[in-house]
PDB file of N, CA and C in Angstrom:
ATOM      1  N   MET A   1      70.492  72.725 120.503  1.00  0.00           N
ATOM      2  CA  MET A   1      71.278  73.121 119.123  1.00  0.00           C
ATOM      3  C   MET A   1      71.412  74.661 119.614  1.00  0.00           C
ATOM      4  N   LEU A   2      70.429  75.348 119.895  1.00  0.00           N
ATOM      5  CA  LEU A   2      70.670  76.836 120.001  1.00  0.00           C
ATOM      6  C   LEU A   2      69.873  77.233 121.194  1.00  0.00           C
ATOM      7  N   GLY A   3      70.676  76.773 122.461  1.00  0.00           N
ATOM      8  CA  GLY A   3      70.093  77.021 123.756  1.00  0.00           C
ATOM      9  C   GLY A   3      69.156  78.152 124.087  1.00  0.00           C
ATOM     10  N   GLY A   4      68.118  78.129 123.878  1.00  0.00           N
ATOM     11  CA  GLY A   4      67.078  79.117 124.485  1.00  0.00           C
ATOM     12  C   GLY A   4      66.808  80.269 123.421  1.00  0.00           C
ATOM     13  N   MET A   5      67.682  80.361 122.529  1.00  0.00           N
ATOM     14  CA  MET A   5      67.976  81.622 121.618  1.00  0.00           C
ATOM     15  C   MET A   5      67.187  80.865 120.208  1.00  0.00           C
ATOM     16  N   GLU A   6      66.216  79.938 120.044  1.00  0.00           N
ATOM     17  CA  GLU A   6      65.569  79.839 119.033  1.00  0.00           C
ATOM     18  C   GLU A   6      64.832  80.639 118.421  1.00  0.00           C
ATOM     19  N   PRO A   7      63.658  81.363 118.922  1.00  0.00           N
ATOM     20  CA  PRO A   7      62.814  82.240 118.672  1.00  0.00           C
ATOM     21  C   PRO A   7      63.727  83.471 117.985  1.00  0.00           C
ATOM     22  N   THR A   8      64.369  84.019 118.614  1.00  0.00           N
ATOM     23  CA  THR A   8      65.334  85.234 118.224  1.00  0.00           C
ATOM     24  C   THR A   8      66.003  84.722 116.851  1.00  0.00           C
ATOM     25  N   THR A   9      66.829  83.829 117.073  1.00  0.00           N
ATOM     26  CA  THR A   9      67.610  83.120 115.768  1.00  0.00           C
ATOM     27  C   THR A   9      66.687  83.046 114.837  1.00  0.00           C
ATOM     28  N   GLU A  10      65.707  82.176 115.029  1.00  0.00           N
ATOM     29  CA  GLU A  10      64.577  82.021 113.938  1.00  0.00           C
ATOM     30  C   GLU A  10      64.252  83.263 113.096  1.00  0.00           C
ATOM     31  N   ARG A  11      63.592  84.166 113.914  1.00  0.00           N
ATOM     32  CA  ARG A  11      63.224  85.706 113.281  1.00  0.00           C
ATOM     33  C   ARG A  11      64.402  86.276 112.458  1.00  0.00           C
ATOM     34  N   LEU A  12      65.734  86.310 113.380  1.00  0.00           N
ATOM     35  CA  LEU A  12      66.768  86.730 112.339  1.00  0.00           C
ATOM     36  C   LEU A  12      67.039  85.941 111.284  1.00  0.00           C
ATOM     37  N   ARG A  13      67.052  84.733 111.193  1.00  0.00           N
ATOM     38  CA  ARG A  13      67.122  83.804 109.985  1.00  0.00           C
ATOM     39  C   ARG A  13      66.017  84.070 108.871  1.00  0.00           C
ATOM     40  N   ASN A  14      64.685  84.363 109.441  1.00  0.00           N
ATOM     41  CA  ASN A  14      63.698  84.431 108.524  1.00  0.00           C
ATOM     42  C   ASN A  14      64.196  85.845 107.690  1.00  0.00           C
ATOM     43  N   PHE A  15      64.248  86.780 108.594  1.00  0.00           N
ATOM     44  CA  PHE A  15      64.784  88.266 107.902  1.00  0.00           C
ATOM     45  C   PHE A  15      65.667  88.185 106.702  1.00  0.00           C
ATOM     46  N   LEU A  16      66.953  87.091 107.304  1.00  0.00           N
ATOM     47  CA  LEU A  16      67.797  87.321 106.422  1.00  0.00           C
ATOM     48  C   LEU A  16      67.515  86.367 105.058  1.00  0.00           C
ATOM     49  N   GLN A  17      66.485  85.569 105.284  1.00  0.00           N
ATOM     50  CA  GLN A  17      66.449  84.646 104.178  1.00  0.00           C
ATOM     51  C   GLN A  17      65.337  85.613 103.207  1.00  0.00           C
ATOM     52  N   TYR A  18      64.428  86.329 103.707  1.00  0.00           N
ATOM     53  CA  TYR A  18      63.716  87.161 103.240  1.00  0.00           C
ATOM     54  C   TYR A  18      64.396  88.158 102.086  1.00  0.00           C
ATOM     55  N   VAL A  19      65.266  88.739 102.936  1.00  0.00           N
ATOM     56  CA  VAL A  19      66.146  89.606 102.247  1.00  0.00           C
ATOM     57  C   VAL A  19      67.220  89.227 101.180  1.00  0.00           C
ATOM     58  N   ALA A  20      67.798  88.346 101.120  1.00  0.00           N
ATOM     59  CA  ALA A  20      68.681  87.728 100.382  1.00  0.00           C
ATOM     60  C   ALA A  20      67.914  87.091  98.960  1.00  0.00           C
ATOM     61  N   VAL A  21      66.588  86.223  99.132  1.00  0.00           N
ATOM     62  CA  VAL A  21      66.223  85.966  98.279  1.00  0.00           C
ATOM     63  C   VAL A  21      65.481  87.137  97.267  1.00  0.00           C
ATOM     64  N   LYS A  22      64.996  88.012  97.933  1.00  0.00           N
ATOM     65  CA  LYS A  22      64.841  89.360  96.841  1.00  0.00           C
ATOM     66  C   LYS A  22      65.996  89.685  96.074  1.00  0.00           C
ATOM     67  N   LEU A  23      67.035  89.567  96.698  1.00  0.00           N
ATOM     68  CA  LEU A  23      68.266  90.424  95.902  1.00  0.00           C
ATOM     69  C   LEU A  23      69.178  89.510  95.231  1.00  0.00           C
ATOM     70  N   ILE A  24      68.587  88.142  94.794  1.00  0.00           N
ATOM     71  CA  ILE A  24      69.747  87.218  94.291  1.00  0.00           C
ATOM     72  C   ILE A  24      68.852  86.763  92.977  1.00  0.00           C
ATOM     73  N   ASP A  25      69.516  86.002  92.078  1.00  0.00           N
ATOM     74  CA  ASP A  25      68.749  85.580  90.986  1.00  0.00           C
ATOM     75  C   ASP A  25      68.396  83.991  91.074  1.00  0.00           C
ATOM     76  N   GLU A  26      69.595  83.287  91.709  1.00  0.00           N
ATOM     77  CA  GLU A  26      69.199  81.846  92.082  1.00  0.00           C
ATOM     78  C   GLU A  26      69.149  81.720  93.497  1.00  0.00           C
ATOM     79  N   PRO A  27      67.795  81.795  94.014  1.00  0.00           N
ATOM     80  CA  PRO A  27      67.455  81.508  95.355  1.00  0.00           C
ATOM     81  C   PRO A  27      67.289  79.949  95.490  1.00  0.00           C
ATOM     82  N   GLY A  28      67.218  79.313  94.668  1.00  0.00           N
ATOM     83  CA  GLY A  28      67.178  77.952  94.604  1.00  0.00           C
ATOM     84  C   GLY A  28      68.408  77.272  95.077  1.00  0.00           C
ATOM     85  N   GLN A  29      69.498  77.875  94.526  1.00  0.00           N
ATOM     86  CA  GLN A  29      70.869  77.470  94.962  1.00  0.00           C
ATOM     87  C   GLN A  29      71.304  78.055  96.431  1.00  0.00           C
ATOM     88  N   ALA A  30      70.613  78.599  96.940  1.00  0.00           N
ATOM     89  CA  ALA A  30      71.029  79.474  98.232  1.00  0.00           C
ATOM     90  C   ALA A  30      70.744  78.645  99.550  1.00  0.00           C
ATOM     91  N   GLN A  31      71.898  78.572 100.296  1.00  0.00           N
ATOM     92  CA  GLN A  31      71.857  78.045 101.534  1.00  0.00           C
ATOM     93  C   GLN A  31      72.276  78.834 102.850  1.00  0.00           C
ATOM     94  N   LEU A  32      71.442  78.792 103.778  1.00  0.00           N
ATOM     95  CA  LEU A  32      71.615  79.461 105.203  1.00  0.00           C
ATOM     96  C   LEU A  32      71.809  78.746 106.088  1.00  0.00           C
ATOM     97  N   LYS A  33      73.191  78.927 106.402  1.00  0.00           N
ATOM     98  CA  LYS A  33      73.701  78.295 107.669  1.00  0.00           C
ATOM     99  C   LYS A  33      73.656  78.688 108.830  1.00  0.00           C
ATOM    100  N   VAL A  34      73.407  78.334 110.123  1.00  0.00           N
ATOM    101  CA  VAL A  34      73.176  78.979 111.078  1.00  0.00           C
ATOM    102  C   VAL A  34      74.315  78.095 112.451  1.00  0.00           C
ATOM    103  N   ALA A  35      75.166  78.696 113.246  1.00  0.00           N
ATOM    104  CA  ALA A  35      75.590  78.186 114.136  1.00  0.00           C
ATOM    105  C   ALA A  35      75.669  79.265 115.434  1.00  0.00           C
ATOM    106  N   GLU A  36      75.445  78.572 116.279  1.00  0.00           N
ATOM    107  CA  GLU A  36      75.793  79.242 117.763  1.00  0.00           C
ATOM    108  C   GLU A  36      77.076  79.133 118.283  1.00  0.00           C
ATOM    109  N   ILE A  37      78.018  80.105 118.105  1.00  0.00           N
ATOM    110  CA  ILE A  37      79.146  79.833 118.221  1.00  0.00           C
ATOM    111  C   ILE A  37      80.067  80.145 119.743  1.00  0.00           C
ATOM    112  N   ALA A  38      78.862  80.648 120.261  1.00  0.00           N
ATOM    113  CA  ALA A  38      79.352  81.191 121.921  1.00  0.00           C
ATOM    114  C   ALA A  38      77.618  81.707 122.656  1.00  0.00           C
ATOM    115  N   PRO A  39      77.572  81.513 123.759  1.00  0.00           N
ATOM    116  CA  PRO A  39      76.386  81.816 124.209  1.00  0.00           C
ATOM    117  C   PRO A  39      76.006  83.410 123.947  1.00  0.00           C
ATOM    118  N   LYS A  40      75.043  83.463 123.331  1.00  0.00           N
ATOM    119  CA  LYS A  40      74.052  84.643 122.646  1.00  0.00           C
ATOM    120  C   LYS A  40      75.261  85.244 121.547  1.00  0.00           C
ATOM    121  N   LYS A  41      75.821  84.306 120.951  1.00  0.00           N
ATOM    122  CA  LYS A  41      76.408  84.516 119.286  1.00  0.00           C
ATOM    123  C   LYS A  41      76.223  83.793 118.619  1.00  0.00           C
ATOM    124  N   VAL A  42      75.854  84.369 117.526  1.00  0.00           N
ATOM    125  CA  VAL A  42      75.487  83.334 116.433  1.00  0.00           C
ATOM    126  C   VAL A  42      76.110  84.085 115.273  1.00  0.00           C
ATOM    127  N   ARG A  43      76.398  82.978 114.290  1.00  0.00           N
ATOM    128  CA  ARG A  43      76.879  82.963 112.843  1.00  0.00           C
ATOM    129  C   ARG A  43      76.112  82.646 111.909  1.00  0.00           C
ATOM    130  N   PHE A  44      75.532  83.341 110.817  1.00  0.00           N
ATOM    131  CA  PHE A  44      74.798  83.072 109.644  1.00  0.00           C
ATOM    132  C   PHE A  44      75.933  83.162 108.507  1.00  0.00           C
ATOM    133  N   LYS A  45      75.560  81.848 107.757  1.00  0.00           N
ATOM    134  CA  LYS A  45      76.434  82.047 106.842  1.00  0.00           C
ATOM    135  C   LYS A  45      75.522  81.864 105.455  1.00  0.00           C
ATOM    136  N   LEU A  46      75.657  82.658 104.408  1.00  0.00           N
ATOM    137  CA  LEU A  46      74.967  82.514 103.129  1.00  0.00           C
ATOM    138  C   LEU A  46      75.948  82.040 102.272  1.00  0.00           C
ATOM    139  N   VAL A  47      75.462  80.690 101.667  1.00  0.00           N
ATOM    140  CA  VAL A  47      75.996  80.106 100.419  1.00  0.00           C
ATOM    141  C   VAL A  47      75.406  80.119  99.636  1.00  0.00           C
ATOM    142  N   LEU A  48      76.048  80.853  98.129  1.00  0.00           N
ATOM    143  CA  LEU A  48      75.250  81.209  97.138  1.00  0.00           C
ATOM    144  C   LEU A  48      75.882  80.884  95.701  1.00  0.00           C
ATOM    145  N   ALA A  49      75.236  80.794  94.591  1.00  0.00           N
ATOM    146  CA  ALA A  49      75.528  80.859  93.395  1.00  0.00           C
ATOM    147  C   ALA A  49      76.777  81.926  93.199  1.00  0.00           C
ATOM    148  N   LYS A  50      77.827  81.787  92.573  1.00  0.00           N
ATOM    149  CA  LYS A  50      78.842  82.654  92.452  1.00  0.00           C
ATOM    150  C   LYS A  50      78.444  84.279  92.017  1.00  0.00           C
ATOM    151  N   ALA A  51      77.714  84.198  90.968  1.00  0.00           N
ATOM    152  CA  ALA A  51      77.320  85.258  90.529  1.00  0.00           C
ATOM    153  C   ALA A  51      76.118  86.317  91.547  1.00  0.00           C
ATOM    154  N   ASP A  52      75.403  85.457  92.441  1.00  0.00           N
ATOM    155  CA  ASP A  52      74.637  85.950  93.455  1.00  0.00           C
ATOM    156  C   ASP A  52      75.531  86.437  94.520  1.00  0.00           C
ATOM    157  N   VAL A  53      76.879  85.840  94.875  1.00  0.00           N
ATOM    158  CA  VAL A  53      77.550  86.412  95.971  1.00  0.00           C
ATOM    159  C   VAL A  53      77.843  88.033  95.293  1.00  0.00           C
ATOM    160  N   ALA A  54      78.697  88.196  94.248  1.00  0.00           N
ATOM    161  CA  ALA A  54      78.680  89.742  93.805  1.00  0.00           C
ATOM    162  C   ALA A  54      77.543  90.535  93.746  1.00  0.00           C
ATOM    163  N   MET A  55      76.255  90.036  93.482  1.00  0.00           N
ATOM    164  CA  MET A  55      75.034  90.581  93.661  1.00  0.00           C
ATOM    165  C   MET A  55      74.880  91.368  95.158  1.00  0.00           C
ATOM    166  N   LEU A  56      74.822  90.082  95.940  1.00  0.00           N
ATOM    167  CA  LEU A  56      74.492  90.491  97.248  1.00  0.00           C
ATOM    168  C   LEU A  56      75.423  91.467  97.762  1.00  0.00           C
ATOM    169  N   ILE A  57      76.915  91.398  97.716  1.00  0.00           N
ATOM    170  CA  ILE A  57      77.590  92.085  98.279  1.00  0.00           C
ATOM    171  C   ILE A  57      77.501  93.461  97.781  1.00  0.00           C
ATOM    172  N   GLY A  58      77.444  93.524  96.294  1.00  0.00           N
ATOM    173  CA  GLY A  58      76.920  94.939  96.233  1.00  0.00           C
ATOM    174  C   GLY A  58      78.504  95.681  95.538  1.00  0.00           C
ATOM    175  N   ARG A  59      78.141  96.925  95.085  1.00  0.00           N
ATOM    176  CA  ARG A  59      79.028  97.551  94.647  1.00  0.00           C
ATOM    177  C   ARG A  59      79.871  98.103  96.233  1.00  0.00           C
ATOM    178  N   ASN A  60      81.132  98.037  96.233  1.00  0.00           N
ATOM    179  CA  ASN A  60      82.064  98.374  97.385  1.00  0.00           C
ATOM    180  C   ASN A  60      81.161  97.833  98.706  1.00  0.00           C
ATOM    181  N   GLY A  61      80.783  96.548  98.654  1.00  0.00           N
ATOM    182  CA  GLY A  61      80.310  96.009  99.904  1.00  0.00           C
ATOM    183  C   GLY A  61      79.267  96.680 100.190  1.00  0.00           C
ATOM    184  N   PHE A  62      78.470  97.681  99.629  1.00  0.00           N
ATOM    185  CA  PHE A  62      77.496  98.336 100.190  1.00  0.00           C
ATOM    186  C   PHE A  62      76.463  97.681 100.632  1.00  0.00           C
ATOM    187  N   THR A  63      75.861  96.854  99.717  1.00  0.00           N
ATOM    188  CA  THR A  63      74.581  96.040  99.743  1.00  0.00           C
ATOM    189  C   THR A  63      74.832  95.041 101.236  1.00  0.00           C
ATOM    190  N   ALA A  64      75.899  94.292 101.423  1.00  0.00           N
ATOM    191  CA  ALA A  64      76.487  93.182 102.452  1.00  0.00           C
ATOM    192  C   ALA A  64      76.202  94.326 103.383  1.00  0.00           C
ATOM    193  N   SER A  65      77.147  95.309 103.580  1.00  0.00           N
ATOM    194  CA  SER A  65      77.078  96.214 104.816  1.00  0.00           C
ATOM    195  C   SER A  65      75.578  96.493 105.574  1.00  0.00           C
ATOM    196  N   ALA A  66      74.813  97.139 104.461  1.00  0.00           N
ATOM    197  CA  ALA A  66      73.554  97.540 104.939  1.00  0.00           C
ATOM    198  C   ALA A  66      72.881  96.161 105.582  1.00  0.00           C
ATOM    199  N   ILE A  67      72.821  94.890 105.127  1.00  0.00           N
ATOM    200  CA  ILE A  67      72.138  94.085 105.548  1.00  0.00           C
ATOM    201  C   ILE A  67      72.876  93.524 106.779  1.00  0.00           C
ATOM    202  N   ARG A  68      74.039  93.465 106.886  1.00  0.00           N
ATOM    203  CA  ARG A  68      74.531  93.262 108.278  1.00  0.00           C
ATOM    204  C   ARG A  68      74.123  94.210 109.345  1.00  0.00           C
ATOM    205  N   ASN A  69      74.358  95.449 109.120  1.00  0.00           N
ATOM    206  CA  ASN A  69      74.003  96.363 110.028  1.00  0.00           C
ATOM    207  C   ASN A  69      72.413  96.256 110.321  1.00  0.00           C
ATOM    208  N   VAL A  70      71.519  96.152 109.368  1.00  0.00           N
ATOM    209  CA  VAL A  70      70.218  95.754 109.959  1.00  0.00           C
ATOM    210  C   VAL A  70      70.013  94.791 110.939  1.00  0.00           C
ATOM    211  N   LEU A  71      70.967  93.544 110.358  1.00  0.00           N
ATOM    212  CA  LEU A  71      70.826  92.270 111.096  1.00  0.00           C
ATOM    213  C   LEU A  71      71.272  92.490 112.634  1.00  0.00           C
ATOM    214  N   LYS A  72      72.475  93.289 112.732  1.00  0.00           N
ATOM    215  CA  LYS A  72      73.096  93.568 113.858  1.00  0.00           C
ATOM    216  C   LYS A  72      72.349  94.250 115.106  1.00  0.00           C
ATOM    217  N   ILE A  73      71.210  95.598 114.330  1.00  0.00           N
ATOM    218  CA  ILE A  73      70.591  96.291 115.094  1.00  0.00           C
ATOM    219  C   ILE A  73      69.220  95.203 115.605  1.00  0.00           C
ATOM    220  N   ALA A  74      68.909  94.322 114.816  1.00  0.00           N
ATOM    221  CA  ALA A  74      67.653  93.635 115.086  1.00  0.00           C
ATOM    222  C   ALA A  74      68.429  92.641 116.174  1.00  0.00           C
ATOM    223  N   ALA A  75      69.222  92.298 115.907  1.00  0.00           N
ATOM    224  CA  ALA A  75      69.988  90.958 117.153  1.00  0.00           C
ATOM    225  C   ALA A  75      70.244  91.484 118.269  1.00  0.00           C
ATOM    226  N   GLU A  76      70.932  92.971 118.658  1.00  0.00           N
ATOM    227  CA  GLU A  76      70.874  93.669 119.593  1.00  0.00           C
ATOM    228  C   GLU A  76      69.972  93.884 120.416  1.00  0.00           C
ATOM    229  N   ARG A  77      69.048  94.017 119.848  1.00  0.00           N
ATOM    230  CA  ARG A  77      67.311  94.313 120.582  1.00  0.00           C
ATOM    231  C   ARG A  77      67.284  93.036 121.586  1.00  0.00           C
ATOM    232  N   GLU A  78      67.631  92.087 120.989  1.00  0.00           N
ATOM    233  CA  GLU A  78      67.352  90.766 121.523  1.00  0.00           C
ATOM    234  C   GLU A  78      68.549  90.133 122.296  1.00  0.00           C
ATOM    235  N   GLY A  79      69.579  91.378 122.572  1.00  0.00           N
ATOM    236  CA  GLY A  79      70.880  90.680 123.437  1.00  0.00           C
ATOM    237  C   GLY A  79      71.793  89.876 122.800  1.00  0.00           C
ATOM    238  N   VAL A  80      71.667  89.682 121.401  1.00  0.00           N
ATOM    239  CA  VAL A  80      72.548  88.783 120.685  1.00  0.00           C
ATOM    240  C   VAL A  80      73.259  89.362 119.526  1.00  0.00           C
ATOM    241  N   GLN A  81      74.638  88.763 119.614  1.00  0.00           N
ATOM    242  CA  GLN A  81      75.657  89.384 118.505  1.00  0.00           C
ATOM    243  C   GLN A  81      75.461  88.245 117.460  1.00  0.00           C
ATOM    244  N   VAL A  82      75.506  88.972 116.374  1.00  0.00           N
ATOM    245  CA  VAL A  82      75.581  88.071 115.270  1.00  0.00           C
ATOM    246  C   VAL A  82      76.749  88.409 114.166  1.00  0.00           C
ATOM    247  N   SER A  83      77.148  87.556 113.216  1.00  0.00           N
ATOM    248  CA  SER A  83      77.739  87.819 112.072  1.00  0.00           C
ATOM    249  C   SER A  83      77.157  87.241 110.851  1.00  0.00           C
ATOM    250  N   LEU A  84      77.859  87.697 109.814  1.00  0.00           N
ATOM    251  CA  LEU A  84      77.277  87.234 108.588  1.00  0.00           C
ATOM    252  C   LEU A  84      78.396  87.240 107.584  1.00  0.00           C
ATOM    253  N   LEU A  85      78.489  85.775 107.024  1.00  0.00           N
ATOM    254  CA  LEU A  85      79.566  85.352 105.943  1.00  0.00           C
ATOM    255  C   LEU A  85      78.653  85.095 104.719  1.00  0.00           C
ATOM    256  N   ILE A  86      79.407  85.746 103.556  1.00  0.00           N
ATOM    257  CA  ILE A  86      78.567  85.342 102.622  1.00  0.00           C
ATOM    258  C   ILE A  86      79.685  84.624 101.539  1.00  0.00           C
ATOM    259  N   HIS A  87      79.514  83.544 101.182  1.00  0.00           N
ATOM    260  CA  HIS A  87      80.250  82.756 100.205  1.00  0.00           C
ATOM    261  C   HIS A  87      79.791  82.324  99.173  1.00  0.00           C
ATOM    262  N   SER A  88      80.526  81.712  98.158  1.00  0.00           N
ATOM    263  CA  SER A  88      79.975  81.074  97.145  1.00  0.00           C
ATOM    264  C   SER A  88      80.164  79.469  97.583  1.00  0.00           C
ATOM    265  N   HIS A  89      79.453  78.804  96.819  1.00  0.00           N
ATOM    266  CA  HIS A  89      79.643  77.142  96.986  1.00  0.00           C
ATOM    267  C   HIS A  89      80.907  76.538  96.603  1.00  0.00           C
ATOM    268  N   GLU A  90      81.716  77.219  95.741  1.00  0.00           N
ATOM    269  CA  GLU A  90      83.357  77.048  95.316  1.00  0.00           C
ATOM    270  C   GLU A  90      83.797  77.188  96.851  1.00  0.00           C
ATOM    271  N   GLU A  91      83.791  78.616  97.233  1.00  0.00           N
ATOM    272  CA  GLU A  91      84.435  79.253  98.510  1.00  0.00           C
ATOM    273  C   GLU A  91      84.041  78.027  99.759  1.00  0.00           C
ATOM    274  N   GLU A  92      82.741  77.706  99.917  1.00  0.00           N
ATOM    275  CA  GLU A  92      82.412  77.156 100.756  1.00  0.00           C
ATOM    276  C   GLU A  92      83.228  75.425 100.804  1.00  0.00           C
ATOM    277  N   ALA A  93      82.958  74.938  99.543  1.00  0.00           N
ATOM    278  CA  ALA A  93      83.867  73.592  99.413  1.00  0.00           C
ATOM    279  C   ALA A  93      85.269  73.570  99.737  1.00  0.00           C
ATOM    280  N   GLU A  94      86.043  74.951  99.382  1.00  0.00           N
ATOM    281  CA  GLU A  94      87.234  74.968  99.661  1.00  0.00           C
ATOM    282  C   GLU A  94      87.794  74.895 101.350  1.00  0.00           C
ATOM    283  N   LEU A  95      86.813  75.634 101.836  1.00  0.00           N
ATOM    284  CA  LEU A  95      86.854  75.914 103.608  1.00  0.00           C
ATOM    285  C   LEU A  95      86.465  74.364 104.000  1.00  0.00           C
ATOM    286  N   MET A  96      85.273  73.703 103.726  1.00  0.00           N
ATOM    287  CA  MET A  96      85.120  72.526 103.804  1.00  0.00           C
ATOM    288  C   MET A  96      86.342  71.669 103.884  1.00  0.00           C
ATOM    289  N   ALA A  97      86.970  71.718 102.845  1.00  0.00           N
ATOM    290  CA  ALA A  97      88.080  70.686 102.328  1.00  0.00           C
ATOM    291  C   ALA A  97      89.351  70.841 103.543  1.00  0.00           C
ATOM    292  N   LYS A  98      89.451  72.284 103.680  1.00  0.00           N
ATOM    293  CA  LYS A  98      90.665  72.650 104.738  1.00  0.00           C
ATOM    294  C   LYS A  98      90.192  72.277 106.015  1.00  0.00           C
ATOM    295  N   GLY A  99      89.005  71.939 106.458  1.00  0.00           N
ATOM    296  CA  GLY A  99      88.358  71.781 107.934  1.00  0.00           C
ATOM    297  C   GLY A  99      88.230  73.108 108.408  1.00  0.00           C
ATOM    298  N   GLU A 100      87.672  74.180 107.658  1.00  0.00           N
ATOM    299  CA  GLU A 100      87.667  75.591 108.332  1.00  0.00           C
ATOM    300  C   GLU A 100      85.903  75.803 108.231  1.00  0.00           C
ATOM    301  N   GLY A 101      85.069  74.963 107.362  1.00  0.00           N
ATOM    302  CA  GLY A 101      83.858  75.085 107.149  1.00  0.00           C
ATOM    303  C   GLY A 101      82.954  74.708 108.206  1.00  0.00           C
ATOM    304  N   HIS A 102      81.902  75.485 108.826  1.00  0.00           N
ATOM    305  CA  HIS A 102      81.068  75.125 109.780  1.00  0.00           C
ATOM    306  C   HIS A 102      79.777  75.555 109.740  1.00  0.00           C
TER     307      HIS A 102
END
């Protein structure tokens, strides 16, 4: 699945999961999806309850920006590029219906 990047991806995934769970109200509804979109390029997608999306993004996007920055720095140390998408379950369902969800 993640050709040779499993340890790095798993560390990044664990970090993201730890941070997200601490910042949201409904961690039981959170899903973290991981996709290798190119060699050394990984996309993380957090799918959350609608209220948790707003909480995780934060005022003016500052919280999400901070999480993305730390994630990117950690990934760059491993030679990996990462992106982080944050969606509600409703937005994810719409994307899946359009065939855009991965």
